[in-house]
Amino acid sequence: MQPHPSRNKGFTLIELLIALSVMALMAILSWRSLDGMARAQTQTQQHTNEVLSLQTALVQWGADLDAMVQGPGLNAIEWDGRALRITRHVSAAQADGLVVVAWARRDIGGTGGAGQWLRWQSPPLRERSALQETWQQAAQWAQNPGDETKKREVSITPLAQWQIYFYRGDAWSNPLSSDGRLTTPLSQPLGTPGTDTTAPTPVVPDGVRLVLTLPTEHALQGLLTRDWVRPTLAGGKS
């Protein structure tokens, strides 16, 4: 009696299908894991960028206030409920001229929920007439910006709401409801003394309080308050 020839051992079709199914499942799980890691890394980077952008903006905010120019007939600082406008030195060298800076919030797409915090800056100015004209242009930019004025704005961070308070008379108050103007001599060209006429000049407050309401999708959601104190009152620090 002859022995039966030995059959070659191998995978059956069912075993092969099971193995392929297990490999496919492992591949799917691995892809989901990698996708989750990529999403987490993207969100972390986005949050980091939002925080850095806001920190940079707050540093610029303080620098604008520190470089603010106060003088006869000059609009040093003013809050109209929509924009904060500041007249400041271009640099430490006063001969470089002055610039008008404006900070404002603008709704996106006409909605009242989402908004963007913006900063606008004029070119260097050396004539009083140009300074006064640019001061009005900054207010117009905050209300109804044109294409040309938009070219000088910088988008900072998403912002739900914001409010400004001035510190005058040993108390914080809304600039729109407080008397912050005095009648002082109005000079002629910038840097040239003169007492030809008089005009109300805004009084520079002793402090400025910035209150930001960050949207829920921001890395730092909720209220953020930043106080600035005039360097002459804070020993050169703000």
Protein backbone atom coordinates (compact mmCIF):
# COMPACT_ATOMS: atom_id res chain seq x y z
CA MET A 1 0.00 0.00 0.00
CA GLN A 2 1.54 3.22 -1.14
CA PRO A 3 1.46 6.21 1.21
CA HIS A 4 -0.55 9.21 0.15
CA PRO A 5 1.58 12.01 -1.15
CA SER A 6 1.93 14.82 1.46
CA ARG A 7 -0.01 17.94 0.64
CA ASN A 8 1.79 21.35 0.62
CA LYS A 9 0.86 23.32 3.71
CA GLY A 10 -0.38 26.90 3.08
CA PHE A 11 -3.09 29.44 3.83
CA THR A 12 -6.61 28.69 2.94
CA LEU A 13 -8.71 31.36 1.23
CA ILE A 14 -10.55 32.09 4.46
CA GLU A 15 -7.30 32.54 6.38
CA LEU A 16 -5.99 34.85 3.69
CA LEU A 17 -9.14 36.98 3.83
CA ILE A 18 -8.91 37.21 7.61
CA ALA A 19 -5.27 38.29 7.41
CA LEU A 20 -6.07 40.95 4.81
CA SER A 21 -8.95 42.21 6.95
CA VAL A 22 -6.70 42.51 10.02
CA MET A 23 -4.04 44.35 8.02
CA ALA A 24 -6.65 46.73 6.59
CA LEU A 25 -8.02 47.42 10.08
CA MET A 26 -4.51 48.14 11.41
CA ALA A 27 -3.88 50.48 8.48
CA ILE A 28 -7.11 52.37 9.19
CA LEU A 29 -6.30 52.68 12.89
CA SER A 30 -2.78 53.87 12.09
CA TRP A 31 -4.11 56.47 9.63
CA ARG A 32 -6.62 57.76 12.17
CA SER A 33 -3.88 58.03 14.76
CA LEU A 34 -1.62 59.97 12.41
CA ASP A 35 -4.51 62.17 11.30
CA GLY A 36 -5.38 62.93 14.92
CA MET A 37 -1.78 63.84 15.67
CA ALA A 38 -1.66 66.11 12.62
CA ARG A 39 -4.89 67.82 13.64
CA ALA A 40 -3.64 68.32 17.19
CA GLN A 41 -0.39 69.77 15.90
CA THR A 42 -2.28 72.14 13.58
CA GLN A 43 -4.54 73.32 16.40
CA THR A 44 -1.57 73.81 18.72
CA GLN A 45 0.25 75.85 16.09
CA GLN A 46 -2.88 77.92 15.44
CA HIS A 47 -3.33 78.65 19.14
CA THR A 48 0.34 79.56 19.45
CA ASN A 49 0.07 81.97 16.52
CA GLU A 50 -3.03 83.58 18.02
CA VAL A 51 -1.30 84.12 21.37
CA LEU A 52 1.87 85.50 19.76
CA SER A 53 -0.16 87.81 17.51
CA LEU A 54 -2.08 89.18 20.48
CA GLN A 55 1.08 89.63 22.55
CA THR A 56 2.74 91.51 19.69
CA ALA A 57 -0.32 93.73 19.30
CA LEU A 58 -0.35 94.59 23.02
CA VAL A 59 3.34 95.51 22.87
CA GLN A 60 2.58 97.76 19.88
CA TRP A 61 -0.39 99.21 21.76
CA GLY A 62 1.86 100.23 24.64
CA ALA A 63 4.51 101.60 22.28
CA ASP A 64 1.94 103.80 20.53
CA LEU A 65 0.80 105.25 23.83
CA ASP A 66 4.36 105.72 25.12
CA ALA A 67 5.27 107.69 21.98
CA MET A 68 2.15 109.86 22.13
CA VAL A 69 2.70 113.57 21.48
CA GLN A 70 1.03 116.16 23.65
CA GLY A 71 1.19 119.79 22.59
CA PRO A 72 -0.88 122.94 21.99
CA GLY A 73 -3.54 122.30 19.40
CA LEU A 74 -2.52 118.69 18.82
CA ASN A 75 -5.03 115.87 18.96
CA ALA A 76 -2.91 113.57 21.09
CA ILE A 77 -5.51 110.88 21.79
CA GLU A 78 -9.24 110.49 21.26
CA TRP A 79 -11.82 107.71 21.58
CA ASP A 80 -15.07 108.19 19.64
CA GLY A 81 -16.69 104.88 20.55
CA ARG A 82 -15.46 103.22 17.38
CA ALA A 83 -11.73 103.96 17.08
CA LEU A 84 -8.90 105.11 19.30
CA ARG A 85 -6.74 107.65 17.48
CA ILE A 86 -3.26 108.60 18.66
CA THR A 87 -0.71 111.13 17.42
CA ARG A 88 2.76 109.79 18.08
CA HIS A 89 6.41 110.26 17.16
CA VAL A 90 7.68 108.15 14.29
CA SER A 91 10.81 107.30 16.29
CA ALA A 92 12.97 108.62 19.08
CA ALA A 93 14.28 111.26 16.64
CA GLN A 94 11.51 113.88 16.68
CA ALA A 95 12.79 115.33 13.41
CA ASP A 96 11.38 112.26 11.64
CA GLY A 97 7.90 113.72 12.03
CA LEU A 98 4.64 112.49 13.48
CA VAL A 99 2.16 109.79 12.50
CA VAL A 100 -1.50 109.23 13.25
CA VAL A 101 -2.32 105.74 14.53
CA ALA A 102 -5.81 104.31 14.84
CA TRP A 103 -7.09 101.13 16.44
CA ALA A 104 -10.55 99.82 15.60
CA ARG A 105 -12.75 96.74 15.43
CA ARG A 106 -14.61 95.87 12.25
CA ASP A 107 -17.39 93.34 11.75
CA ILE A 108 -16.68 90.59 9.23
CA GLY A 109 -19.24 90.13 6.51
CA GLY A 110 -21.64 92.56 8.12
CA THR A 111 -22.36 90.25 11.06
CA GLY A 112 -22.40 91.48 14.60
CA GLY A 113 -20.81 88.38 16.10
CA ALA A 114 -17.44 87.94 14.50
CA GLY A 115 -15.05 90.86 14.17
CA GLN A 116 -11.41 91.73 13.65
CA TRP A 117 -9.13 94.02 15.63
CA LEU A 118 -7.23 96.34 13.29
CA ARG A 119 -4.43 98.90 13.44
CA TRP A 120 -3.95 101.73 10.95
CA GLN A 121 -0.99 104.09 10.59
CA SER A 122 -0.40 107.11 8.39
CA PRO A 123 2.84 108.02 6.63
CA PRO A 124 5.16 110.46 8.46
CA LEU A 125 3.74 113.99 8.63
CA ARG A 126 5.48 117.30 9.20
CA GLU A 127 2.79 119.90 8.42
CA ARG A 128 -0.04 120.72 10.80
CA SER A 129 -2.61 120.89 8.00
CA ALA A 130 -1.65 117.40 6.84
CA LEU A 131 -1.80 116.15 10.42
CA GLN A 132 -5.31 117.50 10.96
CA GLU A 133 -6.48 116.09 7.63
CA THR A 134 -5.01 112.68 8.45
CA TRP A 135 -6.65 112.77 11.88
CA GLN A 136 -10.04 112.99 10.18
CA GLN A 137 -9.01 110.36 7.65
CA ALA A 138 -8.29 107.94 10.49
CA ALA A 139 -11.82 108.44 11.84
CA GLN A 140 -13.25 107.86 8.38
CA TRP A 141 -11.19 104.68 8.05
CA ALA A 142 -12.78 103.28 11.21
CA GLN A 143 -16.31 104.04 10.01
CA ASN A 144 -16.27 103.41 6.27
CA PRO A 145 -12.80 102.49 4.94
CA GLY A 146 -11.95 102.88 1.29
CA ASP A 147 -9.60 100.74 -0.72
CA GLU A 148 -6.71 103.19 -0.34
CA THR A 149 -7.02 103.56 3.42
CA LYS A 150 -7.33 99.79 3.82
CA LYS A 151 -3.86 99.41 2.36
CA ARG A 152 -2.41 100.93 5.54
CA GLU A 153 -4.27 98.70 7.98
CA VAL A 154 -3.01 95.55 9.68
CA SER A 155 -5.33 92.78 10.81
CA ILE A 156 -4.39 91.61 14.31
CA THR A 157 -6.76 89.11 15.89
CA PRO A 158 -10.43 88.07 16.00
CA LEU A 159 -12.32 90.25 18.47
CA ALA A 160 -15.90 90.06 19.72
CA GLN A 161 -16.06 93.43 21.50
CA TRP A 162 -13.79 96.05 23.01
CA GLN A 163 -14.01 99.12 25.23
CA ILE A 164 -11.72 101.98 26.26
CA TYR A 165 -11.61 103.81 29.59
CA PHE A 166 -9.57 106.90 30.53
CA TYR A 167 -8.19 107.56 34.00
CA ARG A 168 -8.89 111.19 34.89
CA GLY A 169 -9.62 112.81 38.22
CA ASP A 170 -8.56 109.73 40.19
CA ALA A 171 -11.18 107.51 38.54
CA TRP A 172 -11.74 105.37 35.45
CA SER A 173 -14.49 106.68 33.20
CA ASN A 174 -15.88 106.36 29.70
CA PRO A 175 -14.09 108.95 27.53
CA LEU A 176 -17.38 109.78 25.78
CA SER A 177 -19.04 110.83 29.03
CA SER A 178 -16.12 112.64 30.66
CA ASP A 179 -14.89 116.18 30.07
CA GLY A 180 -11.48 115.68 28.57
CA ARG A 181 -10.88 118.90 26.67
CA LEU A 182 -9.23 122.17 27.62
CA THR A 183 -8.89 125.42 25.71
CA THR A 184 -5.21 125.99 24.94
CA PRO A 185 -3.24 128.06 22.42
CA LEU A 186 -3.05 126.60 18.92
CA SER A 187 0.35 126.77 17.29
CA GLN A 188 0.92 127.04 13.56
CA PRO A 189 3.44 124.67 11.88
CA LEU A 190 4.51 121.64 13.83
CA GLY A 191 7.25 122.51 16.25
CA THR A 192 6.77 126.29 15.80
CA PRO A 193 5.38 128.16 18.82
CA GLY A 194 2.54 130.61 18.33
CA THR A 195 -0.52 131.99 20.08
CA ASP A 196 -2.55 133.31 17.18
CA THR A 197 -5.77 131.57 18.10
CA THR A 198 -7.22 129.10 20.54
CA ALA A 199 -8.79 125.70 20.08
CA PRO A 200 -9.89 122.93 22.40
CA THR A 201 -7.11 120.44 22.90
CA PRO A 202 -7.79 116.97 24.33
CA VAL A 203 -6.24 116.42 27.71
CA VAL A 204 -3.99 113.37 27.77
CA PRO A 205 -5.39 111.01 30.40
CA ASP A 206 -3.24 109.70 33.21
CA GLY A 207 -4.08 106.17 32.15
CA VAL A 208 -5.80 104.19 29.42
CA ARG A 209 -7.59 100.90 30.06
CA LEU A 210 -8.11 98.47 27.20
CA VAL A 211 -10.79 95.79 27.66
CA LEU A 212 -10.95 93.11 24.96
CA THR A 213 -13.63 90.45 24.64
CA LEU A 214 -12.05 87.57 22.76
CA PRO A 215 -14.33 85.12 20.92
CA THR A 216 -14.87 81.59 22.20
CA GLU A 217 -12.84 80.07 19.35
CA HIS A 218 -9.76 82.11 20.31
CA ALA A 219 -6.90 80.51 22.23
CA LEU A 220 -7.40 83.08 25.02
CA GLN A 221 -11.17 83.39 25.12
CA GLY A 222 -12.98 85.74 27.47
CA LEU A 223 -12.10 89.18 28.84
CA LEU A 224 -8.59 90.59 28.65
CA THR A 225 -7.74 93.88 30.38
CA ARG A 226 -4.59 95.91 29.77
CA ASP A 227 -3.83 99.15 31.68
CA TRP A 228 -1.40 101.80 30.50
CA VAL A 229 -0.08 104.57 32.74
CA ARG A 230 1.62 107.72 31.53
CA PRO A 231 5.39 107.19 31.83
CA THR A 232 5.77 110.46 33.75
CA LEU A 233 3.42 109.07 36.40
CA ALA A 234 4.83 105.55 36.45
CA GLY A 235 8.49 106.41 36.69
CA GLY A 236 9.02 105.81 32.98
CA LYS A 237 7.19 102.49 32.94
CA SER A 238 3.81 101.56 31.48
